[in-house]
C-alpha atoms as a PDB file:
ATOM      1  CA  UNK A   1     -52.733  34.297  26.899  1.00  0.00           C
ATOM      2  CA  UNK A   2     -56.285  33.876  28.265  1.00  0.00           C
ATOM      3  CA  UNK A   3     -55.234  30.740  30.191  1.00  0.00           C
ATOM      4  CA  UNK A   4     -52.262  32.534  31.729  1.00  0.00           C
ATOM      5  CA  UNK A   5     -54.500  35.494  32.698  1.00  0.00           C
ATOM      6  CA  UNK A   6     -57.024  33.204  34.420  1.00  0.00           C
ATOM      7  CA  UNK A   7     -54.189  31.455  36.293  1.00  0.00           C
ATOM      8  CA  UNK A   8     -52.826  34.837  37.386  1.00  0.00           C
ATOM      9  CA  UNK A   9     -56.217  36.037  38.588  1.00  0.00           C
ATOM     10  CA  UNK A  10     -56.665  32.842  40.613  1.00  0.00           C
ATOM     11  CA  UNK A  11     -53.737  33.912  42.762  1.00  0.00           C
ATOM     12  CA  UNK A  12     -54.695  37.599  42.957  1.00  0.00           C
ATOM     13  CA  UNK A  13     -58.034  37.320  44.754  1.00  0.00           C
ATOM     14  CA  UNK A  14     -58.468  39.330  47.937  1.00  0.00           C
ATOM     15  CA  UNK A  15     -56.883  37.519  50.873  1.00  0.00           C
ATOM     16  CA  UNK A  16     -59.298  36.011  53.393  1.00  0.00           C
ATOM     17  CA  UNK A  17     -59.317  37.366  56.951  1.00  0.00           C
ATOM     18  CA  UNK A  18     -57.885  35.134  59.678  1.00  0.00           C
ATOM     19  CA  UNK A  19     -56.202  35.390  63.052  1.00  0.00           C
ATOM     20  CA  UNK A  20     -52.642  35.108  61.807  1.00  0.00           C
ATOM     21  CA  UNK A  21     -50.711  36.996  64.481  1.00  0.00           C
ATOM     22  CA  UNK A  22     -49.013  33.877  65.872  1.00  0.00           C
ATOM     23  CA  UNK A  23     -48.069  32.728  62.378  1.00  0.00           C
ATOM     24  CA  UNK A  24     -46.666  36.173  61.582  1.00  0.00           C
ATOM     25  CA  UNK A  25     -44.701  36.283  64.820  1.00  0.00           C
ATOM     26  CA  UNK A  26     -43.163  32.862  64.238  1.00  0.00           C
ATOM     27  CA  UNK A  27     -42.292  33.291  60.583  1.00  0.00           C
ATOM     28  CA  UNK A  28     -41.097  36.897  60.670  1.00  0.00           C
ATOM     29  CA  UNK A  29     -39.388  37.681  63.970  1.00  0.00           C
ATOM     30  CA  UNK A  30     -37.035  40.669  64.119  1.00  0.00           C
ATOM     31  CA  UNK A  31     -33.772  39.697  62.493  1.00  0.00           C
ATOM     32  CA  UNK A  32     -30.207  40.899  62.426  1.00  0.00           C
ATOM     33  CA  UNK A  33     -28.954  40.824  58.839  1.00  0.00           C
ATOM     34  CA  UNK A  34     -25.372  40.926  60.071  1.00  0.00           C
ATOM     35  CA  UNK A  35     -25.639  38.039  62.554  1.00  0.00           C
ATOM     36  CA  UNK A  36     -27.599  35.745  60.193  1.00  0.00           C
ATOM     37  CA  UNK A  37     -29.027  33.866  63.159  1.00  0.00           C
ATOM     38  CA  UNK A  38     -32.539  32.738  64.000  1.00  0.00           C
ATOM     39  CA  UNK A  39     -35.515  32.307  61.710  1.00  0.00           C
ATOM     40  CA  UNK A  40     -35.066  34.334  58.533  1.00  0.00           C
ATOM     41  CA  UNK A  41     -38.147  34.017  56.353  1.00  0.00           C
ATOM     42  CA  UNK A  42     -37.973  35.844  53.019  1.00  0.00           C
ATOM     43  CA  UNK A  43     -41.465  34.945  51.801  1.00  0.00           C
ATOM     44  CA  UNK A  44     -44.465  33.076  53.162  1.00  0.00           C
ATOM     45  CA  UNK A  45     -47.522  32.408  51.026  1.00  0.00           C
ATOM     46  CA  UNK A  46     -50.560  30.383  52.068  1.00  0.00           C
ATOM     47  CA  UNK A  47     -53.247  29.358  49.588  1.00  0.00           C
ATOM     48  CA  UNK A  48     -56.444  27.606  50.601  1.00  0.00           C
ATOM     49  CA  UNK A  49     -59.107  26.428  48.187  1.00  0.00           C
ATOM     50  CA  UNK A  50     -57.209  28.150  45.394  1.00  0.00           C
ATOM     51  CA  UNK A  51     -57.219  31.576  47.125  1.00  0.00           C
ATOM     52  CA  UNK A  52     -54.427  33.532  48.736  1.00  0.00           C
ATOM     53  CA  UNK A  53     -55.252  33.721  52.442  1.00  0.00           C
ATOM     54  CA  UNK A  54     -51.853  34.946  53.687  1.00  0.00           C
ATOM     55  CA  UNK A  55     -48.885  36.554  51.945  1.00  0.00           C
ATOM     56  CA  UNK A  56     -45.922  38.359  53.458  1.00  0.00           C
ATOM     57  CA  UNK A  57     -42.390  39.182  52.305  1.00  0.00           C
ATOM     58  CA  UNK A  58     -39.186  40.494  53.858  1.00  0.00           C
ATOM     59  CA  UNK A  59     -37.140  42.884  51.738  1.00  0.00           C
ATOM     60  CA  UNK A  60     -35.468  42.590  49.325  1.00  0.00           C
ATOM     61  CA  UNK A  61     -37.741  39.662  48.389  1.00  0.00           C
ATOM     62  CA  UNK A  62     -41.141  40.604  46.973  1.00  0.00           C
ATOM     63  CA  UNK A  63     -44.035  39.038  45.126  1.00  0.00           C
ATOM     64  CA  UNK A  64     -42.198  39.387  41.803  1.00  0.00           C
ATOM     65  CA  UNK A  65     -38.812  38.111  43.029  1.00  0.00           C
ATOM     66  CA  UNK A  66     -37.652  34.742  41.682  1.00  0.00           C
ATOM     67  CA  UNK A  67     -36.022  33.122  44.724  1.00  0.00           C
ATOM     68  CA  UNK A  68     -33.467  30.338  44.737  1.00  0.00           C
ATOM     69  CA  UNK A  69     -35.354  27.168  45.645  1.00  0.00           C
ATOM     70  CA  UNK A  70     -32.348  24.918  46.307  1.00  0.00           C
ATOM     71  CA  UNK A  71     -33.552  21.277  46.541  1.00  0.00           C
ATOM     72  CA  UNK A  72     -37.173  22.196  45.939  1.00  0.00           C
ATOM     73  CA  UNK A  73     -35.822  22.082  42.366  1.00  0.00           C
ATOM     74  CA  UNK A  74     -35.774  18.287  42.622  1.00  0.00           C
ATOM     75  CA  UNK A  75     -39.526  18.077  43.090  1.00  0.00           C
ATOM     76  CA  UNK A  76     -40.147  20.515  40.250  1.00  0.00           C
ATOM     77  CA  UNK A  77     -37.904  18.456  37.951  1.00  0.00           C
ATOM     78  CA  UNK A  78     -39.938  15.404  38.991  1.00  0.00           C
ATOM     79  CA  UNK A  79     -43.055  17.306  37.941  1.00  0.00           C
ATOM     80  CA  UNK A  80     -41.503  18.117  34.552  1.00  0.00           C
ATOM     81  CA  UNK A  81     -40.658  14.442  34.178  1.00  0.00           C
ATOM     82  CA  UNK A  82     -44.266  13.635  34.994  1.00  0.00           C
ATOM     83  CA  UNK A  83     -45.381  15.507  31.896  1.00  0.00           C
ATOM     84  CA  UNK A  84     -42.845  13.551  29.816  1.00  0.00           C
ATOM     85  CA  UNK A  85     -44.104  10.333  31.398  1.00  0.00           C
ATOM     86  CA  UNK A  86     -47.634  11.233  30.376  1.00  0.00           C
ATOM     87  CA  UNK A  87     -46.370  11.740  26.816  1.00  0.00           C
ATOM     88  CA  UNK A  88     -45.044   8.154  26.921  1.00  0.00           C
ATOM     89  CA  UNK A  89     -41.441   9.281  26.534  1.00  0.00           C
ATOM     90  CA  UNK A  90     -40.171   6.796  29.143  1.00  0.00           C
ATOM     91  CA  UNK A  91     -41.249   4.101  31.589  1.00  0.00           C
ATOM     92  CA  UNK A  92     -40.248   3.902  35.205  1.00  0.00           C
ATOM     93  CA  UNK A  93     -38.408   0.602  34.769  1.00  0.00           C
ATOM     94  CA  UNK A  94     -36.350   1.849  31.797  1.00  0.00           C
ATOM     95  CA  UNK A  95     -32.588   1.696  32.408  1.00  0.00           C
ATOM     96  CA  UNK A  96     -31.132   5.171  32.864  1.00  0.00           C
ATOM     97  CA  UNK A  97     -28.404   4.270  30.353  1.00  0.00           C
ATOM     98  CA  UNK A  98     -31.059   4.142  27.623  1.00  0.00           C
ATOM     99  CA  UNK A  99     -31.323   7.911  27.907  1.00  0.00           C
ATOM    100  CA  UNK A 100     -27.933   8.794  29.367  1.00  0.00           C
ATOM    101  CA  UNK A 101     -25.128   6.630  27.917  1.00  0.00           C
ATOM    102  CA  UNK A 102     -22.492   7.568  30.557  1.00  0.00           C
ATOM    103  CA  UNK A 103     -24.514   5.323  32.892  1.00  0.00           C
ATOM    104  CA  UNK A 104     -23.619   2.189  30.883  1.00  0.00           C
ATOM    105  CA  UNK A 105     -21.268   1.223  33.723  1.00  0.00           C
ATOM    106  CA  UNK A 106     -24.392   0.990  35.899  1.00  0.00           C
ATOM    107  CA  UNK A 107     -26.798  -0.841  33.578  1.00  0.00           C
ATOM    108  CA  UNK A 108     -29.194  -1.968  36.316  1.00  0.00           C
ATOM    109  CA  UNK A 109     -30.070   1.542  37.511  1.00  0.00           C
ATOM    110  CA  UNK A 110     -33.610   2.420  36.410  1.00  0.00           C
ATOM    111  CA  UNK A 111     -35.438   5.727  36.230  1.00  0.00           C
ATOM    112  CA  UNK A 112     -37.530   4.772  39.253  1.00  0.00           C
ATOM    113  CA  UNK A 113     -34.356   4.137  41.250  1.00  0.00           C
ATOM    114  CA  UNK A 114     -33.196   7.680  40.611  1.00  0.00           C
ATOM    115  CA  UNK A 115     -36.648   8.967  41.498  1.00  0.00           C
ATOM    116  CA  UNK A 116     -36.308   7.257  44.882  1.00  0.00           C
ATOM    117  CA  UNK A 117     -32.719   8.459  45.458  1.00  0.00           C
ATOM    118  CA  UNK A 118     -31.786   4.786  45.341  1.00  0.00           C
ATOM    119  CA  UNK A 119     -29.268   4.490  42.508  1.00  0.00           C
ATOM    120  CA  UNK A 120     -26.868   2.638  44.787  1.00  0.00           C
ATOM    121  CA  UNK A 121     -24.047   4.997  43.792  1.00  0.00           C
ATOM    122  CA  UNK A 122     -21.585   6.134  46.432  1.00  0.00           C
ATOM    123  CA  UNK A 123     -22.521   9.652  47.505  1.00  0.00           C
ATOM    124  CA  UNK A 124     -21.962  12.081  50.382  1.00  0.00           C
ATOM    125  CA  UNK A 125     -24.706  14.707  50.637  1.00  0.00           C
ATOM    126  CA  UNK A 126     -22.880  16.986  53.065  1.00  0.00           C
ATOM    127  CA  UNK A 127     -22.684  20.753  52.704  1.00  0.00           C
ATOM    128  CA  UNK A 128     -20.808  23.292  54.798  1.00  0.00           C
ATOM    129  CA  UNK A 129     -20.561  20.779  57.665  1.00  0.00           C
ATOM    130  CA  UNK A 130     -18.117  18.442  55.875  1.00  0.00           C
ATOM    131  CA  UNK A 131     -17.069  20.161  52.630  1.00  0.00           C
ATOM    132  CA  UNK A 132     -13.884  18.196  51.999  1.00  0.00           C
ATOM    133  CA  UNK A 133     -15.763  14.879  51.798  1.00  0.00           C
ATOM    134  CA  UNK A 134     -18.884  16.235  50.182  1.00  0.00           C
ATOM    135  CA  UNK A 135     -19.947  14.844  46.811  1.00  0.00           C
ATOM    136  CA  UNK A 136     -22.549  17.560  46.364  1.00  0.00           C
ATOM    137  CA  UNK A 137     -20.115  20.407  47.057  1.00  0.00           C
ATOM    138  CA  UNK A 138     -17.687  18.928  44.525  1.00  0.00           C
ATOM    139  CA  UNK A 139     -20.496  18.532  41.995  1.00  0.00           C
ATOM    140  CA  UNK A 140     -21.877  22.046  42.363  1.00  0.00           C
ATOM    141  CA  UNK A 141     -18.689  24.040  42.893  1.00  0.00           C
ATOM    142  CA  UNK A 142     -15.440  22.234  42.035  1.00  0.00           C
ATOM    143  CA  UNK A 143     -14.489  19.138  40.012  1.00  0.00           C
ATOM    144  CA  UNK A 144     -18.014  18.257  38.895  1.00  0.00           C
ATOM    145  CA  UNK A 145     -19.508  21.642  38.191  1.00  0.00           C
ATOM    146  CA  UNK A 146     -19.012  21.610  34.398  1.00  0.00           C
ATOM    147  CA  UNK A 147     -20.698  18.209  33.909  1.00  0.00           C
ATOM    148  CA  UNK A 148     -22.719  17.336  37.000  1.00  0.00           C
ATOM    149  CA  UNK A 149     -24.414  14.230  35.645  1.00  0.00           C
ATOM    150  CA  UNK A 150     -21.143  12.898  34.288  1.00  0.00           C
ATOM    151  CA  UNK A 151     -19.498  13.498  37.655  1.00  0.00           C
ATOM    152  CA  UNK A 152     -22.263  11.500  39.332  1.00  0.00           C
ATOM    153  CA  UNK A 153     -22.163   8.645  36.816  1.00  0.00           C
ATOM    154  CA  UNK A 154     -18.435   8.215  37.489  1.00  0.00           C
ATOM    155  CA  UNK A 155     -19.093   7.216  41.102  1.00  0.00           C
ATOM    156  CA  UNK A 156     -18.806   3.585  42.138  1.00  0.00           C
ATOM    157  CA  UNK A 157     -21.737   1.492  43.347  1.00  0.00           C
ATOM    158  CA  UNK A 158     -22.207   0.811  47.045  1.00  0.00           C
ATOM    159  CA  UNK A 159     -25.509  -1.066  46.880  1.00  0.00           C
ATOM    160  CA  UNK A 160     -27.787  -2.734  44.392  1.00  0.00           C
ATOM    161  CA  UNK A 161     -30.065  -0.234  42.641  1.00  0.00           C
ATOM    162  CA  UNK A 162     -33.499   0.198  44.143  1.00  0.00           C
ATOM    163  CA  UNK A 163     -32.696  -1.428  47.481  1.00  0.00           C
ATOM    164  CA  UNK A 164     -31.419   1.415  49.631  1.00  0.00           C
ATOM    165  CA  UNK A 165     -32.361   5.057  50.040  1.00  0.00           C
ATOM    166  CA  UNK A 166     -29.383   7.418  49.986  1.00  0.00           C
ATOM    167  CA  UNK A 167     -30.282  11.039  49.445  1.00  0.00           C
ATOM    168  CA  UNK A 168     -28.311  12.279  46.459  1.00  0.00           C
ATOM    169  CA  UNK A 169     -28.411  15.483  44.465  1.00  0.00           C
ATOM    170  CA  UNK A 170     -26.415  13.500  41.918  1.00  0.00           C
ATOM    171  CA  UNK A 171     -29.355  11.152  41.326  1.00  0.00           C
ATOM    172  CA  UNK A 172     -31.552  14.173  40.646  1.00  0.00           C
ATOM    173  CA  UNK A 173     -29.077  15.571  38.125  1.00  0.00           C
ATOM    174  CA  UNK A 174     -28.912  12.222  36.343  1.00  0.00           C
ATOM    175  CA  UNK A 175     -32.675  12.547  35.876  1.00  0.00           C
ATOM    176  CA  UNK A 176     -32.196  16.022  34.428  1.00  0.00           C
ATOM    177  CA  UNK A 177     -29.599  14.633  32.006  1.00  0.00           C
ATOM    178  CA  UNK A 178     -31.796  11.700  30.985  1.00  0.00           C
ATOM    179  CA  UNK A 179     -34.602  14.104  30.133  1.00  0.00           C
ATOM    180  CA  UNK A 180     -32.582  15.458  27.191  1.00  0.00           C
ATOM    181  CA  UNK A 181     -32.752  12.230  25.214  1.00  0.00           C
ATOM    182  CA  UNK A 182     -36.309  11.550  26.338  1.00  0.00           C
ATOM    183  CA  UNK A 183     -37.612  14.728  24.712  1.00  0.00           C
ATOM    184  CA  UNK A 184     -34.919  15.347  22.075  1.00  0.00           C
ATOM    185  CA  UNK A 185     -31.945  17.714  22.209  1.00  0.00           C
ATOM    186  CA  UNK A 186     -33.728  20.372  20.183  1.00  0.00           C
ATOM    187  CA  UNK A 187     -36.667  20.550  22.616  1.00  0.00           C
ATOM    188  CA  UNK A 188     -34.698  20.106  25.839  1.00  0.00           C
ATOM    189  CA  UNK A 189     -33.715  23.753  26.548  1.00  0.00           C
ATOM    190  CA  UNK A 190     -37.350  24.863  26.442  1.00  0.00           C
ATOM    191  CA  UNK A 191     -39.067  21.732  27.688  1.00  0.00           C
ATOM    192  CA  UNK A 192     -39.700  22.748  31.328  1.00  0.00           C
ATOM    193  CA  UNK A 193     -41.395  25.874  29.998  1.00  0.00           C
ATOM    194  CA  UNK A 194     -43.422  24.353  27.161  1.00  0.00           C
ATOM    195  CA  UNK A 195     -44.373  21.235  29.146  1.00  0.00           C
ATOM    196  CA  UNK A 196     -45.102  22.719  32.566  1.00  0.00           C
ATOM    197  CA  UNK A 197     -44.400  26.384  33.224  1.00  0.00           C
ATOM    198  CA  UNK A 198     -46.361  27.918  30.361  1.00  0.00           C
ATOM    199  CA  UNK A 199     -49.499  25.824  30.969  1.00  0.00           C
ATOM    200  CA  UNK A 200     -49.385  26.989  34.607  1.00  0.00           C
ATOM    201  CA  UNK A 201     -48.854  30.633  33.670  1.00  0.00           C
ATOM    202  CA  UNK A 202     -45.344  30.688  35.146  1.00  0.00           C
ATOM    203  CA  UNK A 203     -43.350  33.452  33.447  1.00  0.00           C
ATOM    204  CA  UNK A 204     -40.439  34.435  35.696  1.00  0.00           C
ATOM    205  CA  UNK A 205     -38.798  31.061  36.330  1.00  0.00           C
ATOM    206  CA  UNK A 206     -35.041  30.776  35.754  1.00  0.00           C
ATOM    207  CA  UNK A 207     -33.283  27.395  35.705  1.00  0.00           C
ATOM    208  CA  UNK A 208     -29.503  27.326  35.520  1.00  0.00           C
ATOM    209  CA  UNK A 209     -27.651  24.738  33.430  1.00  0.00           C
ATOM    210  CA  UNK A 210     -24.105  23.410  33.686  1.00  0.00           C
ATOM    211  CA  UNK A 211     -21.479  23.735  30.961  1.00  0.00           C
ATOM    212  CA  UNK A 212     -22.927  20.686  29.174  1.00  0.00           C
ATOM    213  CA  UNK A 213     -26.269  22.428  28.952  1.00  0.00           C
ATOM    214  CA  UNK A 214     -27.912  20.120  31.503  1.00  0.00           C
ATOM    215  CA  UNK A 215     -30.419  21.637  33.885  1.00  0.00           C
ATOM    216  CA  UNK A 216     -29.171  21.607  37.458  1.00  0.00           C
ATOM    217  CA  UNK A 217     -32.246  19.695  38.497  1.00  0.00           C
ATOM    218  CA  UNK A 218     -30.990  19.300  42.038  1.00  0.00           C
ATOM    219  CA  UNK A 219     -30.619  22.910  43.023  1.00  0.00           C
ATOM    220  CA  UNK A 220     -30.676  25.923  40.745  1.00  0.00           C
ATOM    221  CA  UNK A 221     -34.287  26.760  39.925  1.00  0.00           C
ATOM    222  CA  UNK A 222     -35.526  30.256  40.773  1.00  0.00           C
ATOM    223  CA  UNK A 223     -39.259  31.008  41.078  1.00  0.00           C
ATOM    224  CA  UNK A 224     -41.507  33.564  42.703  1.00  0.00           C
ATOM    225  CA  UNK A 225     -43.540  32.274  45.632  1.00  0.00           C
ATOM    226  CA  UNK A 226     -46.765  32.528  43.656  1.00  0.00           C
ATOM    227  CA  UNK A 227     -45.269  30.589  40.776  1.00  0.00           C
ATOM    228  CA  UNK A 228     -44.037  27.793  42.996  1.00  0.00           C
ATOM    229  CA  UNK A 229     -47.471  27.657  44.610  1.00  0.00           C
ATOM    230  CA  UNK A 230     -48.913  26.684  41.239  1.00  0.00           C
ATOM    231  CA  UNK A 231     -46.766  23.548  41.263  1.00  0.00           C
ATOM    232  CA  UNK A 232     -48.224  22.754  44.674  1.00  0.00           C
ATOM    233  CA  UNK A 233     -51.766  23.426  43.497  1.00  0.00           C
ATOM    234  CA  UNK A 234     -51.225  21.127  40.521  1.00  0.00           C
ATOM    235  CA  UNK A 235     -50.101  18.343  42.856  1.00  0.00           C
ATOM    236  CA  UNK A 236     -52.931  19.046  45.286  1.00  0.00           C
ATOM    237  CA  UNK A 237     -55.409  18.608  42.425  1.00  0.00           C
ATOM    238  CA  UNK A 238     -53.895  15.254  41.401  1.00  0.00           C
ATOM    239  CA  UNK A 239     -52.244  16.653  38.293  1.00  0.00           C
ATOM    240  CA  UNK A 240     -55.187  18.699  36.985  1.00  0.00           C
ATOM    241  CA  UNK A 241     -54.941  22.356  36.052  1.00  0.00           C
ATOM    242  CA  UNK A 242     -57.977  24.296  34.828  1.00  0.00           C
ATOM    243  CA  UNK A 243     -59.692  21.185  33.574  1.00  0.00           C
ATOM    244  CA  UNK A 244     -56.621  19.714  31.894  1.00  0.00           C
ATOM    245  CA  UNK A 245     -54.924  16.573  33.199  1.00  0.00           C
ATOM    246  CA  UNK A 246     -51.405  17.970  32.913  1.00  0.00           C
ATOM    247  CA  UNK A 247     -49.843  15.153  34.955  1.00  0.00           C
ATOM    248  CA  UNK A 248     -51.069  11.549  34.857  1.00  0.00           C
ATOM    249  CA  UNK A 249     -52.839  10.683  38.096  1.00  0.00           C
ATOM    250  CA  UNK A 250     -50.690   7.558  38.473  1.00  0.00           C
ATOM    251  CA  UNK A 251     -47.550   9.723  38.317  1.00  0.00           C
ATOM    252  CA  UNK A 252     -48.830  11.907  41.147  1.00  0.00           C
ATOM    253  CA  UNK A 253     -49.653   8.778  43.156  1.00  0.00           C
ATOM    254  CA  UNK A 254     -46.165   7.406  42.483  1.00  0.00           C
ATOM    255  CA  UNK A 255     -44.471  10.552  43.766  1.00  0.00           C
ATOM    256  CA  UNK A 256     -46.617  10.487  46.921  1.00  0.00           C
ATOM    257  CA  UNK A 257     -46.023   6.801  47.721  1.00  0.00           C
ATOM    258  CA  UNK A 258     -43.407   6.024  50.398  1.00  0.00           C
ATOM    259  CA  UNK A 259     -40.293   4.291  49.104  1.00  0.00           C
ATOM    260  CA  UNK A 260     -40.140   0.847  50.669  1.00  0.00           C
ATOM    261  CA  UNK A 261     -36.335   0.847  50.730  1.00  0.00           C
ATOM    262  CA  UNK A 262     -36.089   3.821  53.068  1.00  0.00           C
ATOM    263  CA  UNK A 263     -35.267   3.275  56.735  1.00  0.00           C
ATOM    264  CA  UNK A 264     -36.862   6.359  58.267  1.00  0.00           C
ATOM    265  CA  UNK A 265     -35.562   7.595  61.607  1.00  0.00           C
ATOM    266  CA  UNK A 266     -38.002   9.124  64.100  1.00  0.00           C
ATOM    267  CA  UNK A 267     -38.600  12.754  63.248  1.00  0.00           C
ATOM    268  CA  UNK A 268     -37.537  12.367  59.617  1.00  0.00           C
ATOM    269  CA  UNK A 269     -39.767  12.849  56.605  1.00  0.00           C
ATOM    270  CA  UNK A 270     -40.314   9.785  54.434  1.00  0.00           C
ATOM    271  CA  UNK A 271     -38.943   9.854  50.888  1.00  0.00           C
ATOM    272  CA  UNK A 272     -41.446   9.419  48.109  1.00  0.00           C
ATOM    273  CA  UNK A 273     -40.308   9.958  44.523  1.00  0.00           C
ATOM    274  CA  UNK A 274     -38.350  13.231  44.666  1.00  0.00           C
ATOM    275  CA  UNK A 275     -40.918  14.505  47.198  1.00  0.00           C
ATOM    276  CA  UNK A 276     -41.051  14.216  50.999  1.00  0.00           C
ATOM    277  CA  UNK A 277     -43.983  12.633  52.844  1.00  0.00           C
ATOM    278  CA  UNK A 278     -45.385  12.923  56.344  1.00  0.00           C
ATOM    279  CA  UNK A 279     -46.582   9.303  56.423  1.00  0.00           C
ATOM    280  CA  UNK A 280     -44.459   8.571  59.528  1.00  0.00           C
ATOM    281  CA  UNK A 281     -45.563  11.848  61.158  1.00  0.00           C
ATOM    282  CA  UNK A 282     -42.221  13.577  61.069  1.00  0.00           C
ATOM    283  CA  UNK A 283     -44.376  16.703  61.479  1.00  0.00           C
ATOM    284  CA  UNK A 284     -46.775  15.426  64.152  1.00  0.00           C
ATOM    285  CA  UNK A 285     -49.056  18.469  64.125  1.00  0.00           C
ATOM    286  CA  UNK A 286     -49.747  18.051  60.393  1.00  0.00           C
ATOM    287  CA  UNK A 287     -51.935  15.387  58.769  1.00  0.00           C
ATOM    288  CA  UNK A 288     -50.253  12.182  57.652  1.00  0.00           C
ATOM    289  CA  UNK A 289     -51.080  12.887  53.997  1.00  0.00           C
ATOM    290  CA  UNK A 290     -49.039  16.102  53.989  1.00  0.00           C
ATOM    291  CA  UNK A 291     -46.238  16.113  51.428  1.00  0.00           C
ATOM    292  CA  UNK A 292     -43.559  18.637  50.616  1.00  0.00           C
ATOM    293  CA  UNK A 293     -40.689  19.790  48.464  1.00  0.00           C
ATOM    294  CA  UNK A 294     -37.848  20.904  50.727  1.00  0.00           C
ATOM    295  CA  UNK A 295     -34.628  22.813  50.152  1.00  0.00           C
ATOM    296  CA  UNK A 296     -31.469  23.992  51.876  1.00  0.00           C
ATOM    297  CA  UNK A 297     -31.691  26.901  54.313  1.00  0.00           C
ATOM    298  CA  UNK A 298     -35.413  26.500  54.889  1.00  0.00           C
ATOM    299  CA  UNK A 299     -37.044  26.537  51.463  1.00  0.00           C
ATOM    300  CA  UNK A 300     -40.338  24.675  51.426  1.00  0.00           C
ATOM    301  CA  UNK A 301     -43.429  23.897  49.384  1.00  0.00           C
ATOM    302  CA  UNK A 302     -46.008  22.086  51.535  1.00  0.00           C
ATOM    303  CA  UNK A 303     -49.266  20.531  50.354  1.00  0.00           C
ATOM    304  CA  UNK A 304     -52.010  19.524  52.808  1.00  0.00           C
ATOM    305  CA  UNK A 305     -54.712  17.784  50.745  1.00  0.00           C
ATOM    306  CA  UNK A 306     -57.551  17.544  53.270  1.00  0.00           C
ATOM    307  CA  UNK A 307     -57.242  21.198  54.243  1.00  0.00           C
ATOM    308  CA  UNK A 308     -56.784  22.253  50.578  1.00  0.00           C
ATOM    309  CA  UNK A 309     -53.666  24.137  51.636  1.00  0.00           C
ATOM    310  CA  UNK A 310     -50.589  25.015  49.617  1.00  0.00           C
ATOM    311  CA  UNK A 311     -47.791  26.763  51.517  1.00  0.00           C
ATOM    312  CA  UNK A 312     -44.625  28.296  50.076  1.00  0.00           C
ATOM    313  CA  UNK A 313     -41.797  29.448  52.305  1.00  0.00           C
ATOM    314  CA  UNK A 314     -38.565  31.026  51.104  1.00  0.00           C
ATOM    315  CA  UNK A 315     -35.851  31.662  53.641  1.00  0.00           C
ATOM    316  CA  UNK A 316     -32.222  32.135  54.584  1.00  0.00           C
ATOM    317  CA  UNK A 317     -32.054  29.977  57.710  1.00  0.00           C
ATOM    318  CA  UNK A 318     -28.539  29.106  58.835  1.00  0.00           C
ATOM    319  CA  UNK A 319     -28.691  27.845  62.432  1.00  0.00           C
ATOM    320  CA  UNK A 320     -31.492  25.272  62.629  1.00  0.00           C
ATOM    321  CA  UNK A 321     -33.942  27.488  64.524  1.00  0.00           C
ATOM    322  CA  UNK A 322     -36.735  26.945  62.018  1.00  0.00           C
ATOM    323  CA  UNK A 323     -38.922  23.853  62.411  1.00  0.00           C
ATOM    324  CA  UNK A 324     -41.261  22.557  59.696  1.00  0.00           C
ATOM    325  CA  UNK A 325     -43.725  21.224  62.249  1.00  0.00           C
ATOM    326  CA  UNK A 326     -43.991  24.539  64.086  1.00  0.00           C
ATOM    327  CA  UNK A 327     -44.737  26.413  60.868  1.00  0.00           C
ATOM    328  CA  UNK A 328     -47.366  23.871  59.853  1.00  0.00           C
ATOM    329  CA  UNK A 329     -48.956  24.016  63.293  1.00  0.00           C
ATOM    330  CA  UNK A 330     -49.313  27.792  63.061  1.00  0.00           C
ATOM    331  CA  UNK A 331     -50.705  27.646  59.535  1.00  0.00           C
ATOM    332  CA  UNK A 332     -53.270  25.026  60.547  1.00  0.00           C
ATOM    333  CA  UNK A 333     -54.294  27.071  63.570  1.00  0.00           C
ATOM    334  CA  UNK A 334     -54.916  30.097  61.356  1.00  0.00           C
ATOM    335  CA  UNK A 335     -56.442  28.224  58.412  1.00  0.00           C
ATOM    336  CA  UNK A 336     -57.783  24.885  59.704  1.00  0.00           C
ATOM    337  CA  UNK A 337     -59.995  23.984  56.760  1.00  0.00           C
ATOM    338  CA  UNK A 338     -61.341  20.440  56.985  1.00  0.00           C
ATOM    339  CA  UNK A 339     -60.449  18.760  60.246  1.00  0.00           C
ATOM    340  CA  UNK A 340     -58.369  15.574  60.319  1.00  0.00           C
END
């Protein structure tokens, strides 16, 4: 209880003063709730040096509202797996089939391949733009929704594991399924809480599971902005939280290392291990060591190590108006911290 109280107080300190008018204007322009166009920020939280320096919400979202994180869930599941890794429950080169037998048809796929979205399995990560051909829409809403990992494992291989980056929510859900055998079926339903959320003082998180009881590690985690910021602070501090090494430092380094098998197009973030990296300056106004967890419709958790910044944005963007780089530029102008 005392640890949770200290963690709560860390995020309740009086916000610092800063010239934030441009940031406010960009993130929270007037919006038409009927048209659903333009930038539609629901929450924006900026923490620097462990202190809240900016916090604003748009109704009905508030400080106590668990918000759907969409694919930010992937990075949080990777953080949960990092705790299990530190407990020596698996190794990165272990075959996935060791922990999830439906993957026996793909015996060469390793945990690290899933972490890099490089299973080699055929997958179409299209949403409303191509729903009839979309693997992820079928997994979340139609033929695969009752057993999402099983649906993914049934796909054929297109490439050798570990050689080619292909973004796949299915890979992330295979990781969530493998976690069950890693930690034991009896501990699995509570493991994200006992391993990660409770040590961080996170109390409102909700994580949906499919009909097989597997966490939807790709998509369906709900957290308040302040709670998600604690994940970012943990990563900023190389896996340490209040003096405890909650994540192994080598796990944090692994997640923040660019995947060599990714062919990154100009303007695209570089895949790490279930996190996104700015190593190729996809966001040119942000430092190259910036990394992020990103989700559909504008969800974002950004970590800027040199500036000691953690940024959480929840949103309902539908038309592509929002730009990560523009948000980061405004945040850095308001809260520059250490210069690059």
